[in-house]
Amino acid sequence: WKDRKRNANITLPSIDLELINLGQEYLLDADLHTSSGEVKMRAMASGNLLTSNWSAQTYISSSSFNASEMFEAYLPDHYQVENLVVDLNSWSNWVQGRHSNTRADFQVGPFSLGSKNRGSVPIDGVRGSINHRVEADGWQLQMADLSLTMWQRSWPEAKVTLDYQQTDNEVSTYKLAADFLRLQDVVEIASLEPGSGEL
């Protein structure tokens, strides 16, 4: 798998793939088999797939799938992830060849997030729901019932919203709203970023 837009390369060991062409409609079944879990994908698309004039609905599920390699491929080079085992159910819509929105329920067991020069932070678990929506000038990411456990301390279930907007003069703006943030945990994760200094 080569994602040239995000410069990510992933080696996938074994995939069972079935594409049914019904003329202007397509059905896709894909099953990824690895020694560390399985991922299933189902999609229904309509339109001309050789152009941007198509729409689709997709469903992805995983059970006890170790997504460390896949997730790390999309992180900056200095980050490392170990033992990222994910349970996921995700539903997405695509309109005119572009991603429109995604809703997902997820749970991640104990894993380690690290930086090559700044050590690592053990995270005991994360779970919640995600709603990601693409807008004309940016996107919005909402996380509901979010619970993060670090150092054997759990956050109460909270809602976190991150808005991104880009203006005509290419100025980017991020807005974060959260019911609850444990600043000590945020600082631990932020300190992995090179150049962050002492927080």
N, C-alpha and C. Protein backbone atom coordinates (compact mmCIF):
# COMPACT_ATOMS: atom_id res chain seq x y z
N TRP A 1 0.85 -1.18 0.00
CA TRP A 1 0.00 0.00 0.00
C TRP A 1 0.89 1.23 0.00
N LYS A 2 0.75 2.09 -1.04
CA LYS A 2 1.51 3.33 -1.12
C LYS A 2 0.54 4.51 -1.19
N ASP A 3 0.56 5.30 -0.14
CA ASP A 3 -0.27 6.50 -0.08
C ASP A 3 0.64 7.68 -0.44
N ARG A 4 0.63 8.08 -1.70
CA ARG A 4 1.54 9.13 -2.14
C ARG A 4 1.17 10.49 -1.60
N LYS A 5 -0.12 10.69 -1.31
CA LYS A 5 -0.54 11.98 -0.78
C LYS A 5 0.05 12.22 0.60
N ARG A 6 0.11 11.17 1.43
CA ARG A 6 0.61 11.32 2.80
C ARG A 6 1.97 10.65 2.98
N ASN A 7 2.58 10.18 1.89
CA ASN A 7 3.91 9.60 1.91
C ASN A 7 4.01 8.44 2.91
N ALA A 8 3.04 7.53 2.83
CA ALA A 8 3.01 6.36 3.73
C ALA A 8 3.09 5.08 2.90
N ASN A 9 3.98 4.18 3.31
CA ASN A 9 4.14 2.89 2.65
C ASN A 9 3.91 1.77 3.67
N ILE A 10 3.00 0.87 3.37
CA ILE A 10 2.64 -0.22 4.28
C ILE A 10 2.65 -1.54 3.52
N THR A 11 3.28 -2.55 4.10
CA THR A 11 3.27 -3.89 3.52
C THR A 11 2.13 -4.69 4.11
N LEU A 12 1.21 -5.14 3.27
CA LEU A 12 0.06 -5.92 3.71
C LEU A 12 0.30 -7.38 3.33
N PRO A 13 0.24 -8.29 4.30
CA PRO A 13 0.64 -9.68 4.05
C PRO A 13 -0.31 -10.48 3.16
N SER A 14 -1.60 -10.45 3.43
CA SER A 14 -2.52 -11.31 2.69
C SER A 14 -3.91 -10.69 2.69
N ILE A 15 -4.48 -10.50 1.49
CA ILE A 15 -5.81 -9.89 1.36
C ILE A 15 -6.66 -10.74 0.43
N ASP A 16 -7.86 -11.08 0.89
CA ASP A 16 -8.87 -11.68 0.02
C ASP A 16 -9.73 -10.55 -0.51
N LEU A 17 -9.78 -10.39 -1.83
CA LEU A 17 -10.44 -9.25 -2.43
C LEU A 17 -11.43 -9.71 -3.49
N GLU A 18 -12.67 -9.20 -3.38
CA GLU A 18 -13.69 -9.50 -4.38
C GLU A 18 -14.36 -8.20 -4.80
N LEU A 19 -14.32 -7.90 -6.11
CA LEU A 19 -14.97 -6.71 -6.65
C LEU A 19 -16.02 -7.14 -7.66
N ILE A 20 -17.25 -6.76 -7.40
CA ILE A 20 -18.36 -7.11 -8.29
C ILE A 20 -18.77 -5.86 -9.06
N ASN A 21 -18.68 -5.93 -10.38
CA ASN A 21 -19.02 -4.81 -11.25
C ASN A 21 -20.44 -4.99 -11.77
N LEU A 22 -21.31 -4.07 -11.38
CA LEU A 22 -22.71 -4.13 -11.82
C LEU A 22 -23.02 -3.02 -12.82
N GLY A 23 -22.01 -2.59 -13.56
CA GLY A 23 -22.20 -1.50 -14.51
C GLY A 23 -21.79 -0.19 -13.89
N GLN A 24 -22.74 0.59 -13.40
CA GLN A 24 -22.44 1.84 -12.70
C GLN A 24 -22.49 1.68 -11.19
N GLU A 25 -22.58 0.44 -10.71
CA GLU A 25 -22.53 0.16 -9.28
C GLU A 25 -21.50 -0.93 -9.03
N TYR A 26 -20.84 -0.84 -7.85
CA TYR A 26 -19.77 -1.77 -7.54
C TYR A 26 -19.92 -2.22 -6.08
N LEU A 27 -19.63 -3.48 -5.85
CA LEU A 27 -19.59 -4.04 -4.50
C LEU A 27 -18.18 -4.56 -4.24
N LEU A 28 -17.63 -4.20 -3.10
CA LEU A 28 -16.27 -4.60 -2.76
C LEU A 28 -16.27 -5.29 -1.41
N ASP A 29 -15.66 -6.48 -1.35
CA ASP A 29 -15.41 -7.19 -0.10
C ASP A 29 -13.91 -7.41 0.01
N ALA A 30 -13.33 -7.01 1.13
CA ALA A 30 -11.90 -7.20 1.33
C ALA A 30 -11.65 -7.67 2.75
N ASP A 31 -10.87 -8.72 2.88
CA ASP A 31 -10.51 -9.27 4.19
C ASP A 31 -8.98 -9.32 4.30
N LEU A 32 -8.44 -8.65 5.32
CA LEU A 32 -7.01 -8.63 5.56
C LEU A 32 -6.69 -9.61 6.67
N HIS A 33 -5.80 -10.57 6.38
CA HIS A 33 -5.44 -11.59 7.36
C HIS A 33 -3.99 -11.39 7.79
N THR A 34 -3.77 -11.28 9.10
CA THR A 34 -2.41 -11.18 9.62
C THR A 34 -2.30 -12.08 10.85
N SER A 35 -1.08 -12.24 11.32
CA SER A 35 -0.85 -13.05 12.53
C SER A 35 -1.33 -12.30 13.77
N SER A 36 -1.66 -11.03 13.62
CA SER A 36 -2.07 -10.23 14.78
C SER A 36 -3.47 -9.67 14.63
N GLY A 37 -4.35 -10.44 13.94
CA GLY A 37 -5.72 -10.00 13.84
C GLY A 37 -6.19 -9.85 12.40
N GLU A 38 -7.46 -9.54 12.26
CA GLU A 38 -8.07 -9.41 10.94
C GLU A 38 -8.82 -8.08 10.81
N VAL A 39 -8.92 -7.62 9.57
CA VAL A 39 -9.68 -6.42 9.24
C VAL A 39 -10.62 -6.76 8.10
N LYS A 40 -11.86 -6.36 8.22
CA LYS A 40 -12.85 -6.59 7.17
C LYS A 40 -13.32 -5.24 6.63
N MET A 41 -13.46 -5.17 5.30
CA MET A 41 -13.96 -3.94 4.67
C MET A 41 -15.05 -4.30 3.68
N ARG A 42 -16.14 -3.56 3.73
CA ARG A 42 -17.24 -3.72 2.79
C ARG A 42 -17.54 -2.34 2.20
N ALA A 43 -17.75 -2.28 0.89
CA ALA A 43 -18.01 -0.99 0.25
C ALA A 43 -19.03 -1.15 -0.86
N MET A 44 -19.83 -0.12 -1.06
CA MET A 44 -20.78 -0.05 -2.16
C MET A 44 -20.59 1.31 -2.82
N ALA A 45 -20.26 1.30 -4.13
CA ALA A 45 -19.98 2.53 -4.84
C ALA A 45 -20.84 2.62 -6.09
N SER A 46 -21.07 3.85 -6.52
CA SER A 46 -21.82 4.08 -7.76
C SER A 46 -21.18 5.23 -8.51
N GLY A 47 -21.22 5.16 -9.85
CA GLY A 47 -20.64 6.21 -10.67
C GLY A 47 -19.46 5.69 -11.47
N ASN A 48 -18.67 6.59 -11.99
CA ASN A 48 -17.50 6.26 -12.81
C ASN A 48 -16.25 6.33 -11.95
N LEU A 49 -15.67 5.18 -11.60
CA LEU A 49 -14.53 5.14 -10.69
C LEU A 49 -13.26 5.69 -11.33
N LEU A 50 -13.24 5.89 -12.65
CA LEU A 50 -12.06 6.44 -13.32
C LEU A 50 -12.05 7.96 -13.29
N THR A 51 -13.10 8.56 -12.75
CA THR A 51 -13.19 10.01 -12.59
C THR A 51 -13.52 10.31 -11.13
N SER A 52 -13.81 11.58 -10.86
CA SER A 52 -14.24 11.95 -9.50
C SER A 52 -15.76 11.89 -9.37
N ASN A 53 -16.43 11.43 -10.40
CA ASN A 53 -17.89 11.39 -10.40
C ASN A 53 -18.39 10.06 -9.85
N TRP A 54 -18.10 9.82 -8.57
CA TRP A 54 -18.59 8.60 -7.92
C TRP A 54 -18.86 8.89 -6.44
N SER A 55 -19.70 8.07 -5.88
CA SER A 55 -20.02 8.15 -4.45
C SER A 55 -19.95 6.75 -3.86
N ALA A 56 -19.77 6.66 -2.55
CA ALA A 56 -19.61 5.33 -1.94
C ALA A 56 -19.93 5.39 -0.46
N GLN A 57 -20.28 4.22 0.06
CA GLN A 57 -20.41 4.00 1.50
C GLN A 57 -19.49 2.83 1.85
N THR A 58 -18.72 2.98 2.93
CA THR A 58 -17.80 1.93 3.33
C THR A 58 -18.00 1.56 4.79
N TYR A 59 -17.69 0.30 5.10
CA TYR A 59 -17.74 -0.20 6.48
C TYR A 59 -16.45 -0.96 6.74
N ILE A 60 -15.77 -0.63 7.82
CA ILE A 60 -14.53 -1.31 8.20
C ILE A 60 -14.64 -1.77 9.64
N SER A 61 -14.24 -3.01 9.89
CA SER A 61 -14.25 -3.53 11.26
C SER A 61 -12.95 -4.28 11.52
N SER A 62 -12.51 -4.24 12.76
CA SER A 62 -11.34 -5.01 13.17
C SER A 62 -11.57 -5.54 14.57
N SER A 63 -10.95 -6.66 14.86
CA SER A 63 -11.05 -7.27 16.18
C SER A 63 -9.66 -7.71 16.62
N SER A 64 -9.17 -7.09 17.70
CA SER A 64 -7.84 -7.41 18.23
C SER A 64 -6.77 -7.33 17.15
N PHE A 65 -6.84 -6.28 16.34
CA PHE A 65 -5.90 -6.10 15.24
C PHE A 65 -4.75 -5.19 15.67
N ASN A 66 -3.52 -5.68 15.50
CA ASN A 66 -2.35 -4.87 15.85
C ASN A 66 -2.06 -3.91 14.70
N ALA A 67 -2.43 -2.65 14.90
CA ALA A 67 -2.32 -1.64 13.85
C ALA A 67 -1.08 -0.77 14.00
N SER A 68 -0.08 -1.22 14.75
CA SER A 68 1.10 -0.40 15.04
C SER A 68 1.79 0.05 13.76
N GLU A 69 2.09 -0.89 12.86
CA GLU A 69 2.81 -0.55 11.64
C GLU A 69 1.98 0.40 10.77
N MET A 70 0.70 0.12 10.66
CA MET A 70 -0.17 0.94 9.82
C MET A 70 -0.30 2.36 10.38
N PHE A 71 -0.47 2.46 11.69
CA PHE A 71 -0.63 3.77 12.33
C PHE A 71 0.68 4.56 12.29
N GLU A 72 1.79 3.89 12.53
CA GLU A 72 3.08 4.56 12.57
C GLU A 72 3.46 5.14 11.22
N ALA A 73 2.99 4.50 10.14
CA ALA A 73 3.32 4.97 8.79
C ALA A 73 2.76 6.36 8.53
N TYR A 74 1.72 6.75 9.27
CA TYR A 74 1.09 8.05 9.07
C TYR A 74 1.55 9.09 10.10
N LEU A 75 2.42 8.70 11.01
CA LEU A 75 2.95 9.63 12.00
C LEU A 75 4.24 10.26 11.48
N PRO A 76 4.62 11.42 12.01
CA PRO A 76 5.95 11.96 11.68
C PRO A 76 7.04 10.95 12.00
N ASP A 77 8.17 11.04 11.30
CA ASP A 77 9.22 10.02 11.37
C ASP A 77 9.75 9.78 12.77
N HIS A 78 9.72 10.80 13.63
CA HIS A 78 10.33 10.64 14.94
C HIS A 78 9.45 9.88 15.93
N TYR A 79 8.19 9.60 15.58
CA TYR A 79 7.29 8.89 16.49
C TYR A 79 7.37 7.37 16.28
N GLN A 80 7.12 6.63 17.35
CA GLN A 80 7.07 5.18 17.32
C GLN A 80 5.87 4.69 18.12
N VAL A 81 5.23 3.61 17.63
CA VAL A 81 4.08 3.03 18.31
C VAL A 81 4.32 1.54 18.48
N GLU A 82 4.02 1.02 19.66
CA GLU A 82 4.19 -0.40 19.92
C GLU A 82 2.91 -0.98 20.51
N ASN A 83 2.52 -2.16 20.00
CA ASN A 83 1.41 -2.93 20.54
C ASN A 83 0.09 -2.18 20.51
N LEU A 84 -0.20 -1.53 19.37
CA LEU A 84 -1.45 -0.79 19.22
C LEU A 84 -2.54 -1.74 18.71
N VAL A 85 -3.22 -2.42 19.63
CA VAL A 85 -4.24 -3.41 19.29
C VAL A 85 -5.61 -2.74 19.33
N VAL A 86 -6.32 -2.80 18.19
CA VAL A 86 -7.52 -1.99 18.00
C VAL A 86 -8.74 -2.85 17.73
N ASP A 87 -9.84 -2.53 18.41
CA ASP A 87 -11.18 -3.02 18.04
C ASP A 87 -11.92 -1.82 17.44
N LEU A 88 -12.48 -2.00 16.24
CA LEU A 88 -13.02 -0.86 15.51
C LEU A 88 -14.24 -1.23 14.70
N ASN A 89 -15.21 -0.35 14.67
CA ASN A 89 -16.32 -0.39 13.72
C ASN A 89 -16.46 1.01 13.14
N SER A 90 -16.35 1.12 11.81
CA SER A 90 -16.29 2.43 11.17
C SER A 90 -17.18 2.48 9.95
N TRP A 91 -17.93 3.59 9.80
CA TRP A 91 -18.81 3.80 8.65
C TRP A 91 -18.43 5.12 8.00
N SER A 92 -18.22 5.12 6.66
CA SER A 92 -17.80 6.34 5.97
C SER A 92 -18.64 6.58 4.72
N ASN A 93 -18.75 7.85 4.34
CA ASN A 93 -19.43 8.25 3.11
C ASN A 93 -18.46 9.05 2.24
N TRP A 94 -18.53 8.80 0.94
CA TRP A 94 -17.72 9.50 -0.04
C TRP A 94 -18.66 10.11 -1.08
N VAL A 95 -18.44 11.39 -1.40
CA VAL A 95 -19.30 12.10 -2.35
C VAL A 95 -18.42 12.78 -3.39
N GLN A 96 -18.73 12.57 -4.68
CA GLN A 96 -17.96 13.15 -5.78
C GLN A 96 -16.46 12.86 -5.63
N GLY A 97 -16.17 11.61 -5.28
CA GLY A 97 -14.78 11.17 -5.19
C GLY A 97 -14.02 11.67 -3.98
N ARG A 98 -14.70 12.31 -3.03
CA ARG A 98 -14.03 12.85 -1.85
C ARG A 98 -14.69 12.33 -0.57
N HIS A 99 -13.85 12.17 0.45
CA HIS A 99 -14.37 11.74 1.74
C HIS A 99 -15.27 12.81 2.32
N SER A 100 -16.46 12.42 2.77
CA SER A 100 -17.44 13.36 3.32
C SER A 100 -17.51 13.29 4.84
N ASN A 101 -17.68 12.08 5.39
CA ASN A 101 -17.76 11.93 6.85
C ASN A 101 -17.50 10.49 7.25
N THR A 102 -17.10 10.34 8.49
CA THR A 102 -16.85 9.02 9.07
C THR A 102 -17.34 9.00 10.50
N ARG A 103 -18.00 7.92 10.86
CA ARG A 103 -18.39 7.67 12.26
C ARG A 103 -17.78 6.34 12.69
N ALA A 104 -17.20 6.31 13.87
CA ALA A 104 -16.50 5.10 14.31
C ALA A 104 -16.60 4.92 15.81
N ASP A 105 -16.68 3.67 16.24
CA ASP A 105 -16.55 3.28 17.64
C ASP A 105 -15.25 2.49 17.76
N PHE A 106 -14.45 2.79 18.78
CA PHE A 106 -13.14 2.15 18.88
C PHE A 106 -12.76 1.87 20.33
N GLN A 107 -11.87 0.91 20.47
CA GLN A 107 -11.26 0.62 21.77
C GLN A 107 -9.84 0.13 21.52
N VAL A 108 -8.90 0.71 22.25
CA VAL A 108 -7.48 0.36 22.10
C VAL A 108 -6.96 -0.09 23.46
N GLY A 109 -6.29 -1.24 23.47
CA GLY A 109 -5.72 -1.75 24.70
C GLY A 109 -4.41 -1.07 25.05
N PRO A 110 -3.67 -1.56 26.03
CA PRO A 110 -2.41 -0.93 26.42
C PRO A 110 -1.43 -0.86 25.25
N PHE A 111 -0.83 0.32 25.06
CA PHE A 111 0.18 0.47 24.02
C PHE A 111 1.17 1.54 24.45
N SER A 112 2.23 1.70 23.66
CA SER A 112 3.28 2.65 23.97
C SER A 112 3.45 3.63 22.82
N LEU A 113 3.42 4.92 23.13
CA LEU A 113 3.67 5.97 22.14
C LEU A 113 5.00 6.62 22.49
N GLY A 114 5.93 6.60 21.52
CA GLY A 114 7.26 7.08 21.83
C GLY A 114 7.85 7.98 20.76
N SER A 115 8.96 8.60 21.12
CA SER A 115 9.74 9.43 20.22
C SER A 115 11.16 8.89 20.24
N LYS A 116 11.82 8.89 19.09
CA LYS A 116 13.15 8.29 18.99
C LYS A 116 14.16 8.96 19.90
N ASN A 117 13.94 10.23 20.22
CA ASN A 117 14.90 10.96 21.03
C ASN A 117 14.39 11.34 22.42
N ARG A 118 13.11 11.03 22.71
CA ARG A 118 12.52 11.50 23.96
C ARG A 118 11.83 10.40 24.76
N GLY A 119 12.18 9.15 24.52
CA GLY A 119 11.59 8.07 25.29
C GLY A 119 10.18 7.75 24.86
N SER A 120 9.41 7.15 25.75
CA SER A 120 8.05 6.73 25.40
C SER A 120 7.11 6.96 26.57
N VAL A 121 5.81 6.99 26.24
CA VAL A 121 4.76 7.17 27.24
C VAL A 121 3.84 5.95 27.17
N PRO A 122 3.69 5.21 28.27
CA PRO A 122 2.76 4.08 28.26
C PRO A 122 1.32 4.56 28.43
N ILE A 123 0.45 4.10 27.56
CA ILE A 123 -0.97 4.44 27.63
C ILE A 123 -1.75 3.16 27.90
N ASP A 124 -2.50 3.13 28.98
CA ASP A 124 -3.17 1.91 29.42
C ASP A 124 -4.37 1.56 28.55
N GLY A 125 -4.98 2.56 27.90
CA GLY A 125 -6.12 2.27 27.05
C GLY A 125 -6.86 3.53 26.64
N VAL A 126 -7.53 3.45 25.48
CA VAL A 126 -8.35 4.54 24.99
C VAL A 126 -9.61 3.93 24.37
N ARG A 127 -10.75 4.57 24.61
CA ARG A 127 -11.97 4.12 23.95
C ARG A 127 -12.89 5.31 23.75
N GLY A 128 -13.81 5.17 22.80
CA GLY A 128 -14.76 6.24 22.55
C GLY A 128 -15.38 6.13 21.18
N SER A 129 -16.00 7.21 20.74
CA SER A 129 -16.62 7.29 19.43
C SER A 129 -16.09 8.52 18.70
N ILE A 130 -15.98 8.39 17.38
CA ILE A 130 -15.45 9.48 16.56
C ILE A 130 -16.46 9.85 15.50
N ASN A 131 -16.60 11.15 15.27
CA ASN A 131 -17.39 11.65 14.15
C ASN A 131 -16.52 12.68 13.43
N HIS A 132 -16.09 12.34 12.22
CA HIS A 132 -15.22 13.23 11.44
C HIS A 132 -15.98 13.71 10.22
N ARG A 133 -16.06 15.04 10.05
CA ARG A 133 -16.81 15.63 8.96
C ARG A 133 -15.95 16.61 8.19
N VAL A 134 -15.92 16.45 6.87
CA VAL A 134 -15.16 17.37 6.01
C VAL A 134 -16.07 18.51 5.59
N GLU A 135 -15.55 19.74 5.71
CA GLU A 135 -16.30 20.91 5.33
C GLU A 135 -15.57 21.64 4.20
N ALA A 136 -16.21 22.68 3.64
CA ALA A 136 -15.66 23.36 2.48
C ALA A 136 -14.29 23.99 2.77
N ASP A 137 -14.12 24.52 3.98
CA ASP A 137 -12.87 25.21 4.31
C ASP A 137 -12.08 24.51 5.42
N GLY A 138 -12.37 23.23 5.65
CA GLY A 138 -11.63 22.52 6.68
C GLY A 138 -12.31 21.23 7.09
N TRP A 139 -12.26 20.92 8.38
CA TRP A 139 -12.90 19.71 8.87
C TRP A 139 -13.18 19.84 10.36
N GLN A 140 -14.02 18.95 10.86
CA GLN A 140 -14.32 18.88 12.28
C GLN A 140 -14.21 17.45 12.76
N LEU A 141 -13.55 17.27 13.89
CA LEU A 141 -13.41 15.96 14.52
C LEU A 141 -14.03 16.01 15.91
N GLN A 142 -15.07 15.21 16.12
CA GLN A 142 -15.71 15.11 17.43
C GLN A 142 -15.45 13.74 18.01
N MET A 143 -15.05 13.71 19.27
CA MET A 143 -14.87 12.46 20.00
C MET A 143 -15.82 12.46 21.19
N ALA A 144 -16.71 11.48 21.23
CA ALA A 144 -17.70 11.39 22.31
C ALA A 144 -17.38 10.19 23.19
N ASP A 145 -17.80 10.29 24.45
CA ASP A 145 -17.56 9.21 25.42
C ASP A 145 -16.09 8.81 25.44
N LEU A 146 -15.21 9.80 25.28
CA LEU A 146 -13.77 9.52 25.23
C LEU A 146 -13.25 9.24 26.63
N SER A 147 -12.56 8.12 26.75
CA SER A 147 -11.95 7.76 28.03
C SER A 147 -10.50 7.35 27.77
N LEU A 148 -9.57 8.05 28.41
CA LEU A 148 -8.14 7.77 28.28
C LEU A 148 -7.61 7.35 29.64
N THR A 149 -6.83 6.27 29.66
CA THR A 149 -6.25 5.79 30.91
C THR A 149 -4.72 5.81 30.79
N MET A 150 -4.09 6.57 31.68
CA MET A 150 -2.62 6.65 31.75
C MET A 150 -2.21 6.58 33.21
N TRP A 151 -1.11 5.87 33.46
CA TRP A 151 -0.60 5.75 34.82
C TRP A 151 -1.69 5.28 35.78
N GLN A 152 -2.57 4.39 35.27
CA GLN A 152 -3.67 3.80 36.04
C GLN A 152 -4.68 4.84 36.52
N ARG A 153 -4.72 5.99 35.81
CA ARG A 153 -5.73 7.01 36.09
C ARG A 153 -6.60 7.16 34.84
N SER A 154 -7.92 7.08 35.01
CA SER A 154 -8.83 7.16 33.88
C SER A 154 -9.54 8.51 33.85
N TRP A 155 -9.65 9.05 32.62
CA TRP A 155 -10.47 10.25 32.45
C TRP A 155 -11.94 9.87 32.57
N PRO A 156 -12.77 10.75 33.10
CA PRO A 156 -14.21 10.52 32.98
C PRO A 156 -14.61 10.62 31.51
N GLU A 157 -15.66 9.94 31.12
CA GLU A 157 -16.08 9.99 29.72
C GLU A 157 -16.37 11.44 29.35
N ALA A 158 -15.75 11.89 28.27
CA ALA A 158 -15.82 13.30 27.91
C ALA A 158 -16.03 13.46 26.41
N LYS A 159 -16.42 14.69 26.04
CA LYS A 159 -16.56 15.05 24.63
C LYS A 159 -15.45 16.03 24.27
N VAL A 160 -14.77 15.75 23.16
CA VAL A 160 -13.69 16.61 22.69
C VAL A 160 -13.98 16.96 21.23
N THR A 161 -13.89 18.23 20.88
CA THR A 161 -14.14 18.68 19.51
C THR A 161 -12.94 19.48 19.02
N LEU A 162 -12.45 19.11 17.83
CA LEU A 162 -11.34 19.83 17.20
C LEU A 162 -11.81 20.32 15.83
N ASP A 163 -11.75 21.64 15.63
CA ASP A 163 -12.13 22.25 14.35
C ASP A 163 -10.89 22.78 13.66
N TYR A 164 -10.82 22.52 12.35
CA TYR A 164 -9.73 23.06 11.53
C TYR A 164 -10.31 23.84 10.38
N GLN A 165 -9.81 25.06 10.18
CA GLN A 165 -10.25 25.90 9.08
C GLN A 165 -9.05 26.53 8.40
N GLN A 166 -9.15 26.67 7.07
CA GLN A 166 -8.11 27.34 6.31
C GLN A 166 -8.75 28.44 5.49
N THR A 167 -8.28 29.68 5.66
CA THR A 167 -8.85 30.83 4.97
C THR A 167 -8.26 30.96 3.56
N ASP A 168 -8.79 31.92 2.82
CA ASP A 168 -8.34 32.12 1.44
C ASP A 168 -6.86 32.49 1.37
N ASN A 169 -6.34 33.14 2.40
CA ASN A 169 -4.92 33.49 2.39
C ASN A 169 -4.05 32.42 3.05
N GLU A 170 -4.60 31.19 3.13
CA GLU A 170 -3.88 29.99 3.59
C GLU A 170 -3.46 30.09 5.05
N VAL A 171 -4.22 30.82 5.85
CA VAL A 171 -3.99 30.85 7.29
C VAL A 171 -4.79 29.72 7.92
N SER A 172 -4.14 28.87 8.68
CA SER A 172 -4.79 27.73 9.31
C SER A 172 -5.16 28.05 10.75
N THR A 173 -6.36 27.64 11.15
CA THR A 173 -6.84 27.89 12.50
C THR A 173 -7.37 26.59 13.10
N TYR A 174 -6.92 26.27 14.31
CA TYR A 174 -7.41 25.11 15.05
C TYR A 174 -8.16 25.61 16.29
N LYS A 175 -9.30 25.00 16.57
CA LYS A 175 -10.06 25.32 17.77
C LYS A 175 -10.37 24.02 18.51
N LEU A 176 -10.04 23.99 19.79
CA LEU A 176 -10.24 22.80 20.61
C LEU A 176 -11.20 23.10 21.74
N ALA A 177 -12.21 22.24 21.90
CA ALA A 177 -13.14 22.35 23.02
C ALA A 177 -13.24 20.97 23.67
N ALA A 178 -13.20 20.93 25.00
CA ALA A 178 -13.21 19.64 25.69
C ALA A 178 -13.93 19.76 27.02
N ASP A 179 -14.70 18.72 27.35
CA ASP A 179 -15.35 18.65 28.65
C ASP A 179 -14.32 18.44 29.76
N PHE A 180 -13.25 17.69 29.42
CA PHE A 180 -12.26 17.35 30.43
C PHE A 180 -10.93 17.08 29.76
N LEU A 181 -9.86 17.64 30.32
CA LEU A 181 -8.49 17.33 29.90
C LEU A 181 -7.63 17.26 31.15
N ARG A 182 -6.92 16.16 31.34
CA ARG A 182 -5.96 16.10 32.44
C ARG A 182 -4.64 16.64 31.90
N LEU A 183 -4.28 17.84 32.34
CA LEU A 183 -3.14 18.53 31.75
C LEU A 183 -1.84 17.74 31.90
N GLN A 184 -1.70 17.01 32.99
CA GLN A 184 -0.47 16.23 33.17
C GLN A 184 -0.32 15.19 32.06
N ASP A 185 -1.43 14.56 31.69
CA ASP A 185 -1.37 13.56 30.62
C ASP A 185 -1.09 14.23 29.28
N VAL A 186 -1.72 15.38 29.03
CA VAL A 186 -1.49 16.11 27.78
C VAL A 186 -0.03 16.52 27.67
N VAL A 187 0.55 16.99 28.76
CA VAL A 187 1.95 17.42 28.76
C VAL A 187 2.87 16.22 28.49
N GLU A 188 2.56 15.06 29.08
CA GLU A 188 3.38 13.86 28.86
C GLU A 188 3.43 13.51 27.38
N ILE A 189 2.28 13.57 26.71
CA ILE A 189 2.23 13.23 25.28
C ILE A 189 2.88 14.32 24.45
N ALA A 190 2.62 15.59 24.79
CA ALA A 190 3.18 16.70 24.01
C ALA A 190 4.70 16.76 24.12
N SER A 191 5.25 16.29 25.23
CA SER A 191 6.70 16.34 25.44
C SER A 191 7.46 15.42 24.49
N LEU A 192 6.75 14.51 23.80
CA LEU A 192 7.40 13.64 22.83
C LEU A 192 7.76 14.37 21.56
N GLU A 193 7.16 15.54 21.31
CA GLU A 193 7.41 16.31 20.10
C GLU A 193 8.79 16.97 20.19
N PRO A 194 9.66 16.72 19.22
CA PRO A 194 10.97 17.40 19.22
C PRO A 194 10.82 18.92 19.22
N GLY A 195 11.65 19.58 20.02
CA GLY A 195 11.57 21.03 20.07
C GLY A 195 10.57 21.55 21.06
N SER A 196 9.88 20.63 21.77
CA SER A 196 8.88 21.09 22.74
C SER A 196 9.52 21.64 24.02
N GLY A 197 10.82 21.33 24.23
CA GLY A 197 11.50 21.81 25.44
C GLY A 197 10.94 21.18 26.68
N GLU A 198 11.15 21.82 27.79
CA GLU A 198 10.62 21.33 29.06
C GLU A 198 9.24 21.91 29.28
N LEU A 199 8.22 21.05 29.35
CA LEU A 199 6.84 21.52 29.55
C LEU A 199 6.43 21.35 31.02
